[in-house]
Amino acid sequence: MKDSVFIFSPSYQTYQFHQDHPFNQLRVYVTYDLLNTVGAFEPGETIAPRIATEAELGLVHTGDYIKAVQLAGAGKLPAAESENYGLGTEDTPVFAGMHE
């Protein structure tokens, strides 16, 4: 097993907060493309991501927060509740599928 790997997938391009948000996924793709072009990766040093399990998410988030993100991503979290979790702000906008 390698000490470190670069986790990347073209599917990252589908995850976007909004056009002007600093987490623009084009930056991730451009970084990967540059590193790949200059031969920075050995075979096996890039791997595809996987979706975290509920248990893994629970290591860093409360169950209530995880549920709130799931509901927000499905368009089912009331705005008043969103505010309780810091969701629906400019820093953490709500968008479809945000839990995935």
PDB file of N, CA and C in Angstrom:
ATOM      1  N   MET A   1       0.836  -1.182   0.000  1.00  0.00           N
ATOM      2  CA  MET A   1       0.000   0.000   0.000  1.00  0.00           C
ATOM      3  C   MET A   1       0.881   1.246   0.000  1.00  0.00           C
ATOM      4  N   LYS A   2       0.494   2.222  -0.762  1.00  0.00           N
ATOM      5  CA  LYS A   2       1.236   3.478  -0.868  1.00  0.00           C
ATOM      6  C   LYS A   2       0.981   4.357   0.361  1.00  0.00           C
ATOM      7  N   ASP A   3       1.954   5.204   0.661  1.00  0.00           N
ATOM      8  CA  ASP A   3       1.798   6.138   1.775  1.00  0.00           C
ATOM      9  C   ASP A   3       0.778   7.224   1.461  1.00  0.00           C
ATOM     10  N   SER A   4       0.679   7.595   0.185  1.00  0.00           N
ATOM     11  CA  SER A   4      -0.278   8.625  -0.206  1.00  0.00           C
ATOM     12  C   SER A   4      -0.745   8.378  -1.633  1.00  0.00           C
ATOM     13  N   VAL A   5      -1.938   8.851  -1.913  1.00  0.00           N
ATOM     14  CA  VAL A   5      -2.516   8.737  -3.252  1.00  0.00           C
ATOM     15  C   VAL A   5      -3.250  10.037  -3.566  1.00  0.00           C
ATOM     16  N   PHE A   6      -3.557  10.228  -4.830  1.00  0.00           N
ATOM     17  CA  PHE A   6      -4.347  11.371  -5.276  1.00  0.00           C
ATOM     18  C   PHE A   6      -5.732  10.830  -5.602  1.00  0.00           C
ATOM     19  N   ILE A   7      -6.729  11.301  -4.889  1.00  0.00           N
ATOM     20  CA  ILE A   7      -8.096  10.822  -5.098  1.00  0.00           C
ATOM     21  C   ILE A   7      -8.766  11.760  -6.090  1.00  0.00           C
ATOM     22  N   PHE A   8      -9.244  11.181  -7.198  1.00  0.00           N
ATOM     23  CA  PHE A   8      -9.817  12.006  -8.259  1.00  0.00           C
ATOM     24  C   PHE A   8     -10.830  11.213  -9.066  1.00  0.00           C
ATOM     25  N   SER A   9     -11.840  11.913  -9.548  1.00  0.00           N
ATOM     26  CA  SER A   9     -12.807  11.350 -10.482  1.00  0.00           C
ATOM     27  C   SER A   9     -13.362  12.475 -11.345  1.00  0.00           C
ATOM     28  N   PRO A  10     -13.571  12.213 -12.629  1.00  0.00           N
ATOM     29  CA  PRO A  10     -14.223  13.224 -13.467  1.00  0.00           C
ATOM     30  C   PRO A  10     -15.607  13.602 -12.933  1.00  0.00           C
ATOM     31  N   SER A  11     -16.201  12.738 -12.124  1.00  0.00           N
ATOM     32  CA  SER A  11     -17.524  13.046 -11.566  1.00  0.00           C
ATOM     33  C   SER A  11     -17.480  14.250 -10.624  1.00  0.00           C
ATOM     34  N   TYR A  12     -16.288  14.642 -10.175  1.00  0.00           N
ATOM     35  CA  TYR A  12     -16.180  15.843  -9.349  1.00  0.00           C
ATOM     36  C   TYR A  12     -16.751  17.060 -10.072  1.00  0.00           C
ATOM     37  N   GLN A  13     -16.710  17.048 -11.386  1.00  0.00           N
ATOM     38  CA  GLN A  13     -17.200  18.182 -12.171  1.00  0.00           C
ATOM     39  C   GLN A  13     -18.695  18.419 -11.961  1.00  0.00           C
ATOM     40  N   THR A  14     -19.432  17.405 -11.505  1.00  0.00           N
ATOM     41  CA  THR A  14     -20.876  17.557 -11.333  1.00  0.00           C
ATOM     42  C   THR A  14     -21.234  18.157  -9.976  1.00  0.00           C
ATOM     43  N   TYR A  15     -20.271  18.294  -9.075  1.00  0.00           N
ATOM     44  CA  TYR A  15     -20.509  18.799  -7.726  1.00  0.00           C
ATOM     45  C   TYR A  15     -20.102  20.261  -7.680  1.00  0.00           C
ATOM     46  N   GLN A  16     -21.086  21.140  -7.581  1.00  0.00           N
ATOM     47  CA  GLN A  16     -20.762  22.568  -7.595  1.00  0.00           C
ATOM     48  C   GLN A  16     -21.741  23.334  -6.730  1.00  0.00           C
ATOM     49  N   PHE A  17     -21.213  24.134  -5.810  1.00  0.00           N
ATOM     50  CA  PHE A  17     -22.069  24.954  -4.960  1.00  0.00           C
ATOM     51  C   PHE A  17     -22.813  25.992  -5.803  1.00  0.00           C
ATOM     52  N   HIS A  18     -22.090  26.884  -6.410  1.00  0.00           N
ATOM     53  CA  HIS A  18     -22.624  27.829  -7.393  1.00  0.00           C
ATOM     54  C   HIS A  18     -21.448  28.375  -8.191  1.00  0.00           C
ATOM     55  N   GLN A  19     -21.725  29.019  -9.279  1.00  0.00           N
ATOM     56  CA  GLN A  19     -20.709  29.425 -10.248  1.00  0.00           C
ATOM     57  C   GLN A  19     -19.561  30.225  -9.638  1.00  0.00           C
ATOM     58  N   ASP A  20     -19.854  31.106  -8.692  1.00  0.00           N
ATOM     59  CA  ASP A  20     -18.824  31.984  -8.137  1.00  0.00           C
ATOM     60  C   ASP A  20     -18.219  31.484  -6.826  1.00  0.00           C
ATOM     61  N   HIS A  21     -18.627  30.315  -6.366  1.00  0.00           N
ATOM     62  CA  HIS A  21     -18.124  29.795  -5.095  1.00  0.00           C
ATOM     63  C   HIS A  21     -16.665  29.375  -5.247  1.00  0.00           C
ATOM     64  N   PRO A  22     -15.822  29.601  -4.232  1.00  0.00           N
ATOM     65  CA  PRO A  22     -14.401  29.245  -4.346  1.00  0.00           C
ATOM     66  C   PRO A  22     -14.145  27.750  -4.540  1.00  0.00           C
ATOM     67  N   PHE A  23     -15.098  26.901  -4.179  1.00  0.00           N
ATOM     68  CA  PHE A  23     -14.916  25.463  -4.382  1.00  0.00           C
ATOM     69  C   PHE A  23     -15.309  25.049  -5.793  1.00  0.00           C
ATOM     70  N   ASN A  24     -14.983  25.864  -6.765  1.00  0.00           N
ATOM     71  CA  ASN A  24     -15.263  25.543  -8.160  1.00  0.00           C
ATOM     72  C   ASN A  24     -14.454  24.301  -8.540  1.00  0.00           C
ATOM     73  N   GLN A  25     -15.127  23.268  -8.959  1.00  0.00           N
ATOM     74  CA  GLN A  25     -14.475  21.991  -9.224  1.00  0.00           C
ATOM     75  C   GLN A  25     -13.552  22.016 -10.440  1.00  0.00           C
ATOM     76  N   LEU A  26     -13.652  23.042 -11.260  1.00  0.00           N
ATOM     77  CA  LEU A  26     -12.718  23.167 -12.380  1.00  0.00           C
ATOM     78  C   LEU A  26     -11.286  23.247 -11.845  1.00  0.00           C
ATOM     79  N   ARG A  27     -11.101  23.854 -10.690  1.00  0.00           N
ATOM     80  CA  ARG A  27      -9.759  23.939 -10.085  1.00  0.00           C
ATOM     81  C   ARG A  27      -9.206  22.547  -9.783  1.00  0.00           C
ATOM     82  N   VAL A  28     -10.059  21.649  -9.324  1.00  0.00           N
ATOM     83  CA  VAL A  28      -9.625  20.278  -9.031  1.00  0.00           C
ATOM     84  C   VAL A  28      -9.191  19.593 -10.320  1.00  0.00           C
ATOM     85  N   TYR A  29     -10.004  19.744 -11.367  1.00  0.00           N
ATOM     86  CA  TYR A  29      -9.683  19.100 -12.636  1.00  0.00           C
ATOM     87  C   TYR A  29      -8.383  19.654 -13.217  1.00  0.00           C
ATOM     88  N   VAL A  30      -8.209  20.965 -13.188  1.00  0.00           N
ATOM     89  CA  VAL A  30      -7.001  21.586 -13.740  1.00  0.00           C
ATOM     90  C   VAL A  30      -5.764  21.118 -12.962  1.00  0.00           C
ATOM     91  N   THR A  31      -5.881  21.002 -11.651  1.00  0.00           N
ATOM     92  CA  THR A  31      -4.762  20.503 -10.836  1.00  0.00           C
ATOM     93  C   THR A  31      -4.410  19.079 -11.230  1.00  0.00           C
ATOM     94  N   TYR A  32      -5.425  18.224 -11.325  1.00  0.00           N
ATOM     95  CA  TYR A  32      -5.191  16.834 -11.723  1.00  0.00           C
ATOM     96  C   TYR A  32      -4.549  16.771 -13.110  1.00  0.00           C
ATOM     97  N   ASP A  33      -5.100  17.526 -14.048  1.00  0.00           N
ATOM     98  CA  ASP A  33      -4.597  17.506 -15.427  1.00  0.00           C
ATOM     99  C   ASP A  33      -3.133  17.948 -15.484  1.00  0.00           C
ATOM    100  N   LEU A  34      -2.788  18.991 -14.754  1.00  0.00           N
ATOM    101  CA  LEU A  34      -1.404  19.470 -14.730  1.00  0.00           C
ATOM    102  C   LEU A  34      -0.470  18.404 -14.154  1.00  0.00           C
ATOM    103  N   LEU A  35      -0.832  17.845 -13.008  1.00  0.00           N
ATOM    104  CA  LEU A  35       0.010  16.815 -12.388  1.00  0.00           C
ATOM    105  C   LEU A  35       0.156  15.592 -13.290  1.00  0.00           C
ATOM    106  N   ASN A  36      -0.925  15.202 -13.923  1.00  0.00           N
ATOM    107  CA  ASN A  36      -0.893  14.053 -14.826  1.00  0.00           C
ATOM    108  C   ASN A  36      -0.027  14.347 -16.051  1.00  0.00           C
ATOM    109  N   THR A  37      -0.147  15.547 -16.598  1.00  0.00           N
ATOM    110  CA  THR A  37       0.606  15.939 -17.794  1.00  0.00           C
ATOM    111  C   THR A  37       2.112  15.953 -17.541  1.00  0.00           C
ATOM    112  N   VAL A  38       2.521  16.388 -16.364  1.00  0.00           N
ATOM    113  CA  VAL A  38       3.957  16.443 -16.066  1.00  0.00           C
ATOM    114  C   VAL A  38       4.490  15.117 -15.523  1.00  0.00           C
ATOM    115  N   GLY A  39       3.654  14.097 -15.488  1.00  0.00           N
ATOM    116  CA  GLY A  39       4.090  12.766 -15.063  1.00  0.00           C
ATOM    117  C   GLY A  39       4.313  12.632 -13.569  1.00  0.00           C
ATOM    118  N   ALA A  40       3.552  13.369 -12.792  1.00  0.00           N
ATOM    119  CA  ALA A  40       3.733  13.347 -11.341  1.00  0.00           C
ATOM    120  C   ALA A  40       3.221  12.067 -10.677  1.00  0.00           C
ATOM    121  N   PHE A  41       2.407  11.292 -11.394  1.00  0.00           N
ATOM    122  CA  PHE A  41       1.812  10.098 -10.796  1.00  0.00           C
ATOM    123  C   PHE A  41       2.467   8.823 -11.298  1.00  0.00           C
ATOM    124  N   GLU A  42       2.773   7.943 -10.365  1.00  0.00           N
ATOM    125  CA  GLU A  42       3.200   6.583 -10.687  1.00  0.00           C
ATOM    126  C   GLU A  42       1.927   5.743 -10.824  1.00  0.00           C
ATOM    127  N   PRO A  43       2.010   4.594 -11.485  1.00  0.00           N
ATOM    128  CA  PRO A  43       0.830   3.724 -11.545  1.00  0.00           C
ATOM    129  C   PRO A  43       0.317   3.406 -10.134  1.00  0.00           C
ATOM    130  N   GLY A  44      -0.973   3.504  -9.959  1.00  0.00           N
ATOM    131  CA  GLY A  44      -1.589   3.216  -8.667  1.00  0.00           C
ATOM    132  C   GLY A  44      -1.628   4.382  -7.706  1.00  0.00           C
ATOM    133  N   GLU A  45      -1.101   5.536  -8.100  1.00  0.00           N
ATOM    134  CA  GLU A  45      -1.105   6.697  -7.203  1.00  0.00           C
ATOM    135  C   GLU A  45      -2.354   7.557  -7.343  1.00  0.00           C
ATOM    136  N   THR A  46      -3.200   7.254  -8.303  1.00  0.00           N
ATOM    137  CA  THR A  46      -4.486   7.938  -8.400  1.00  0.00           C
ATOM    138  C   THR A  46      -5.574   6.889  -8.228  1.00  0.00           C
ATOM    139  N   ILE A  47      -6.543   7.206  -7.391  1.00  0.00           N
ATOM    140  CA  ILE A  47      -7.658   6.291  -7.178  1.00  0.00           C
ATOM    141  C   ILE A  47      -8.964   7.066  -7.217  1.00  0.00           C
ATOM    142  N   ALA A  48     -10.037   6.354  -7.527  1.00  0.00           N
ATOM    143  CA  ALA A  48     -11.366   6.963  -7.549  1.00  0.00           C
ATOM    144  C   ALA A  48     -11.910   7.047  -6.121  1.00  0.00           C
ATOM    145  N   PRO A  49     -12.686   8.069  -5.835  1.00  0.00           N
ATOM    146  CA  PRO A  49     -13.274   8.193  -4.501  1.00  0.00           C
ATOM    147  C   PRO A  49     -14.435   7.218  -4.335  1.00  0.00           C
ATOM    148  N   ARG A  50     -14.860   7.064  -3.112  1.00  0.00           N
ATOM    149  CA  ARG A  50     -16.082   6.323  -2.826  1.00  0.00           C
ATOM    150  C   ARG A  50     -16.920   7.166  -1.885  1.00  0.00           C
ATOM    151  N   ILE A  51     -18.185   6.872  -1.820  1.00  0.00           N
ATOM    152  CA  ILE A  51     -19.076   7.603  -0.926  1.00  0.00           C
ATOM    153  C   ILE A  51     -18.823   7.135   0.507  1.00  0.00           C
ATOM    154  N   ALA A  52     -18.686   8.078   1.408  1.00  0.00           N
ATOM    155  CA  ALA A  52     -18.480   7.752   2.820  1.00  0.00           C
ATOM    156  C   ALA A  52     -19.721   7.069   3.382  1.00  0.00           C
ATOM    157  N   THR A  53     -19.508   6.143   4.290  1.00  0.00           N
ATOM    158  CA  THR A  53     -20.624   5.479   4.958  1.00  0.00           C
ATOM    159  C   THR A  53     -21.208   6.411   6.017  1.00  0.00           C
ATOM    160  N   GLU A  54     -22.420   6.097   6.460  1.00  0.00           N
ATOM    161  CA  GLU A  54     -23.034   6.881   7.539  1.00  0.00           C
ATOM    162  C   GLU A  54     -22.138   6.848   8.784  1.00  0.00           C
ATOM    163  N   ALA A  55     -21.548   5.688   9.064  1.00  0.00           N
ATOM    164  CA  ALA A  55     -20.668   5.568  10.233  1.00  0.00           C
ATOM    165  C   ALA A  55     -19.451   6.482  10.098  1.00  0.00           C
ATOM    166  N   GLU A  56     -18.877   6.554   8.907  1.00  0.00           N
ATOM    167  CA  GLU A  56     -17.725   7.433   8.685  1.00  0.00           C
ATOM    168  C   GLU A  56     -18.123   8.898   8.837  1.00  0.00           C
ATOM    169  N   LEU A  57     -19.267   9.272   8.287  1.00  0.00           N
ATOM    170  CA  LEU A  57     -19.742  10.646   8.445  1.00  0.00           C
ATOM    171  C   LEU A  57     -19.967  10.966   9.916  1.00  0.00           C
ATOM    172  N   GLY A  58     -20.461   9.971  10.658  1.00  0.00           N
ATOM    173  CA  GLY A  58     -20.732  10.153  12.074  1.00  0.00           C
ATOM    174  C   GLY A  58     -19.490  10.372  12.920  1.00  0.00           C
ATOM    175  N   LEU A  59     -18.330  10.091  12.373  1.00  0.00           N
ATOM    176  CA  LEU A  59     -17.086  10.349  13.100  1.00  0.00           C
ATOM    177  C   LEU A  59     -16.794  11.844  13.219  1.00  0.00           C
ATOM    178  N   VAL A  60     -17.331  12.635  12.293  1.00  0.00           N
ATOM    179  CA  VAL A  60     -17.039  14.072  12.287  1.00  0.00           C
ATOM    180  C   VAL A  60     -18.283  14.961  12.292  1.00  0.00           C
ATOM    181  N   HIS A  61     -19.466  14.363  12.133  1.00  0.00           N
ATOM    182  CA  HIS A  61     -20.715  15.134  12.124  1.00  0.00           C
ATOM    183  C   HIS A  61     -21.739  14.457  13.030  1.00  0.00           C
ATOM    184  N   THR A  62     -22.628  15.244  13.616  1.00  0.00           N
ATOM    185  CA  THR A  62     -23.708  14.661  14.411  1.00  0.00           C
ATOM    186  C   THR A  62     -24.738  14.037  13.480  1.00  0.00           C
ATOM    187  N   GLY A  63     -25.504  13.118  14.014  1.00  0.00           N
ATOM    188  CA  GLY A  63     -26.574  12.494  13.239  1.00  0.00           C
ATOM    189  C   GLY A  63     -27.596  13.510  12.766  1.00  0.00           C
ATOM    190  N   ASP A  64     -27.899  14.501  13.617  1.00  0.00           N
ATOM    191  CA  ASP A  64     -28.853  15.545  13.240  1.00  0.00           C
ATOM    192  C   ASP A  64     -28.355  16.350  12.045  1.00  0.00           C
ATOM    193  N   TYR A  65     -27.069  16.665  12.038  1.00  0.00           N
ATOM    194  CA  TYR A  65     -26.507  17.431  10.920  1.00  0.00           C
ATOM    195  C   TYR A  65     -26.552  16.611   9.632  1.00  0.00           C
ATOM    196  N   ILE A  66     -26.196  15.342   9.712  1.00  0.00           N
ATOM    197  CA  ILE A  66     -26.227  14.477   8.525  1.00  0.00           C
ATOM    198  C   ILE A  66     -27.641  14.429   7.960  1.00  0.00           C
ATOM    199  N   LYS A  67     -28.631  14.261   8.830  1.00  0.00           N
ATOM    200  CA  LYS A  67     -30.030  14.214   8.388  1.00  0.00           C
ATOM    201  C   LYS A  67     -30.430  15.549   7.765  1.00  0.00           C
ATOM    202  N   ALA A  68     -29.995  16.654   8.359  1.00  0.00           N
ATOM    203  CA  ALA A  68     -30.321  17.977   7.819  1.00  0.00           C
ATOM    204  C   ALA A  68     -29.749  18.148   6.414  1.00  0.00           C
ATOM    205  N   VAL A  69     -28.523  17.707   6.195  1.00  0.00           N
ATOM    206  CA  VAL A  69     -27.909  17.809   4.863  1.00  0.00           C
ATOM    207  C   VAL A  69     -28.661  16.932   3.864  1.00  0.00           C
ATOM    208  N   GLN A  70     -29.054  15.735   4.285  1.00  0.00           N
ATOM    209  CA  GLN A  70     -29.829  14.857   3.404  1.00  0.00           C
ATOM    210  C   GLN A  70     -31.139  15.525   3.005  1.00  0.00           C
ATOM    211  N   LEU A  71     -31.841  16.079   3.985  1.00  0.00           N
ATOM    212  CA  LEU A  71     -33.112  16.744   3.703  1.00  0.00           C
ATOM    213  C   LEU A  71     -32.912  17.984   2.838  1.00  0.00           C
ATOM    214  N   ALA A  72     -31.886  18.768   3.138  1.00  0.00           N
ATOM    215  CA  ALA A  72     -31.620  19.980   2.356  1.00  0.00           C
ATOM    216  C   ALA A  72     -31.335  19.633   0.903  1.00  0.00           C
ATOM    217  N   GLY A  73     -30.539  18.607   0.676  1.00  0.00           N
ATOM    218  CA  GLY A  73     -30.201  18.200  -0.684  1.00  0.00           C
ATOM    219  C   GLY A  73     -31.387  17.671  -1.462  1.00  0.00           C
ATOM    220  N   ALA A  74     -32.418  17.232  -0.732  1.00  0.00           N
ATOM    221  CA  ALA A  74     -33.648  16.751  -1.370  1.00  0.00           C
ATOM    222  C   ALA A  74     -34.702  17.853  -1.434  1.00  0.00           C
ATOM    223  N   GLY A  75     -34.343  19.066  -0.989  1.00  0.00           N
ATOM    224  CA  GLY A  75     -35.283  20.188  -1.012  1.00  0.00           C
ATOM    225  C   GLY A  75     -36.368  20.080   0.040  1.00  0.00           C
ATOM    226  N   LYS A  76     -36.111  19.357   1.135  1.00  0.00           N
ATOM    227  CA  LYS A  76     -37.134  19.105   2.149  1.00  0.00           C
ATOM    228  C   LYS A  76     -36.803  19.687   3.522  1.00  0.00           C
ATOM    229  N   LEU A  77     -35.777  20.511   3.615  1.00  0.00           N
ATOM    230  CA  LEU A  77     -35.419  21.110   4.902  1.00  0.00           C
ATOM    231  C   LEU A  77     -35.920  22.550   4.933  1.00  0.00           C
ATOM    232  N   PRO A  78     -36.814  22.880   5.882  1.00  0.00           N
ATOM    233  CA  PRO A  78     -37.316  24.256   5.966  1.00  0.00           C
ATOM    234  C   PRO A  78     -36.174  25.254   6.189  1.00  0.00           C
ATOM    235  N   ALA A  79     -36.330  26.441   5.642  1.00  0.00           N
ATOM    236  CA  ALA A  79     -35.294  27.474   5.740  1.00  0.00           C
ATOM    237  C   ALA A  79     -34.922  27.768   7.193  1.00  0.00           C
ATOM    238  N   ALA A  80     -35.906  27.784   8.086  1.00  0.00           N
ATOM    239  CA  ALA A  80     -35.625  28.068   9.498  1.00  0.00           C
ATOM    240  C   ALA A  80     -34.695  27.013  10.090  1.00  0.00           C
ATOM    241  N   GLU A  81     -34.879  25.756   9.713  1.00  0.00           N
ATOM    242  CA  GLU A  81     -34.001  24.690  10.197  1.00  0.00           C
ATOM    243  C   GLU A  81     -32.632  24.768   9.532  1.00  0.00           C
ATOM    244  N   SER A  82     -32.596  25.162   8.271  1.00  0.00           N
ATOM    245  CA  SER A  82     -31.320  25.295   7.562  1.00  0.00           C
ATOM    246  C   SER A  82     -30.382  26.215   8.321  1.00  0.00           C
ATOM    247  N   GLU A  83     -30.931  27.315   8.809  1.00  0.00           N
ATOM    248  CA  GLU A  83     -30.126  28.291   9.543  1.00  0.00           C
ATOM    249  C   GLU A  83     -29.498  27.681  10.795  1.00  0.00           C
ATOM    250  N   ASN A  84     -30.203  26.752  11.445  1.00  0.00           N
ATOM    251  CA  ASN A  84     -29.676  26.106  12.655  1.00  0.00           C
ATOM    252  C   ASN A  84     -28.407  25.311  12.372  1.00  0.00           C
ATOM    253  N   TYR A  85     -28.238  24.875  11.136  1.00  0.00           N
ATOM    254  CA  TYR A  85     -27.092  24.049  10.758  1.00  0.00           C
ATOM    255  C   TYR A  85     -26.087  24.793   9.886  1.00  0.00           C
ATOM    256  N   GLY A  86     -26.306  26.085   9.673  1.00  0.00           N
ATOM    257  CA  GLY A  86     -25.392  26.853   8.828  1.00  0.00           C
ATOM    258  C   GLY A  86     -25.536  26.520   7.359  1.00  0.00           C
ATOM    259  N   LEU A  87     -26.669  25.940   6.990  1.00  0.00           N
ATOM    260  CA  LEU A  87     -26.922  25.589   5.590  1.00  0.00           C
ATOM    261  C   LEU A  87     -27.730  26.697   4.934  1.00  0.00           C
ATOM    262  N   GLY A  88     -27.578  26.836   3.636  1.00  0.00           N
ATOM    263  CA  GLY A  88     -28.299  27.866   2.918  1.00  0.00           C
ATOM    264  C   GLY A  88     -27.624  29.222   3.010  1.00  0.00           C
ATOM    265  N   THR A  89     -26.358  29.218   3.411  1.00  0.00           N
ATOM    266  CA  THR A  89     -25.584  30.456   3.488  1.00  0.00           C
ATOM    267  C   THR A  89     -24.707  30.565   2.242  1.00  0.00           C
ATOM    268  N   GLU A  90     -24.034  31.688   2.106  1.00  0.00           N
ATOM    269  CA  GLU A  90     -23.121  31.835   0.971  1.00  0.00           C
ATOM    270  C   GLU A  90     -21.964  30.839   1.073  1.00  0.00           C
ATOM    271  N   ASP A  91     -21.514  30.563   2.293  1.00  0.00           N
ATOM    272  CA  ASP A  91     -20.429  29.598   2.481  1.00  0.00           C
ATOM    273  C   ASP A  91     -20.876  28.165   2.213  1.00  0.00           C
ATOM    274  N   THR A  92     -22.088  27.841   2.619  1.00  0.00           N
ATOM    275  CA  THR A  92     -22.601  26.481   2.460  1.00  0.00           C
ATOM    276  C   THR A  92     -23.990  26.536   1.841  1.00  0.00           C
ATOM    277  N   PRO A  93     -24.057  26.840   0.547  1.00  0.00           N
ATOM    278  CA  PRO A  93     -25.358  26.900  -0.108  1.00  0.00           C
ATOM    279  C   PRO A  93     -25.980  25.508  -0.211  1.00  0.00           C
ATOM    280  N   VAL A  94     -27.293  25.484  -0.268  1.00  0.00           N
ATOM    281  CA  VAL A  94     -28.027  24.231  -0.441  1.00  0.00           C
ATOM    282  C   VAL A  94     -28.194  23.981  -1.930  1.00  0.00           C
ATOM    283  N   PHE A  95     -27.962  22.734  -2.341  1.00  0.00           N
ATOM    284  CA  PHE A  95     -28.169  22.368  -3.744  1.00  0.00           C
ATOM    285  C   PHE A  95     -28.582  20.910  -3.813  1.00  0.00           C
ATOM    286  N   ALA A  96     -29.238  20.553  -4.883  1.00  0.00           N
ATOM    287  CA  ALA A  96     -29.739  19.188  -5.064  1.00  0.00           C
ATOM    288  C   ALA A  96     -28.595  18.185  -5.009  1.00  0.00           C
ATOM    289  N   GLY A  97     -28.794  17.125  -4.236  1.00  0.00           N
ATOM    290  CA  GLY A  97     -27.798  16.064  -4.164  1.00  0.00           C
ATOM    291  C   GLY A  97     -26.595  16.380  -3.309  1.00  0.00           C
ATOM    292  N   MET A  98     -26.662  17.404  -2.482  1.00  0.00           N
ATOM    293  CA  MET A  98     -25.475  17.810  -1.721  1.00  0.00           C
ATOM    294  C   MET A  98     -24.990  16.739  -0.751  1.00  0.00           C
ATOM    295  N   HIS A  99     -25.852  15.852  -0.330  1.00  0.00           N
ATOM    296  CA  HIS A  99     -25.410  14.778   0.578  1.00  0.00           C
ATOM    297  C   HIS A  99     -24.562  13.745  -0.151  1.00  0.00           C
ATOM    298  N   GLU A 100     -24.872  13.509  -1.391  1.00  0.00           N
ATOM    299  CA  GLU A 100     -24.124  12.511  -2.148  1.00  0.00           C
ATOM    300  C   GLU A 100     -22.738  13.015  -2.464  1.00  0.00           C
TER     301      GLU A 100
END
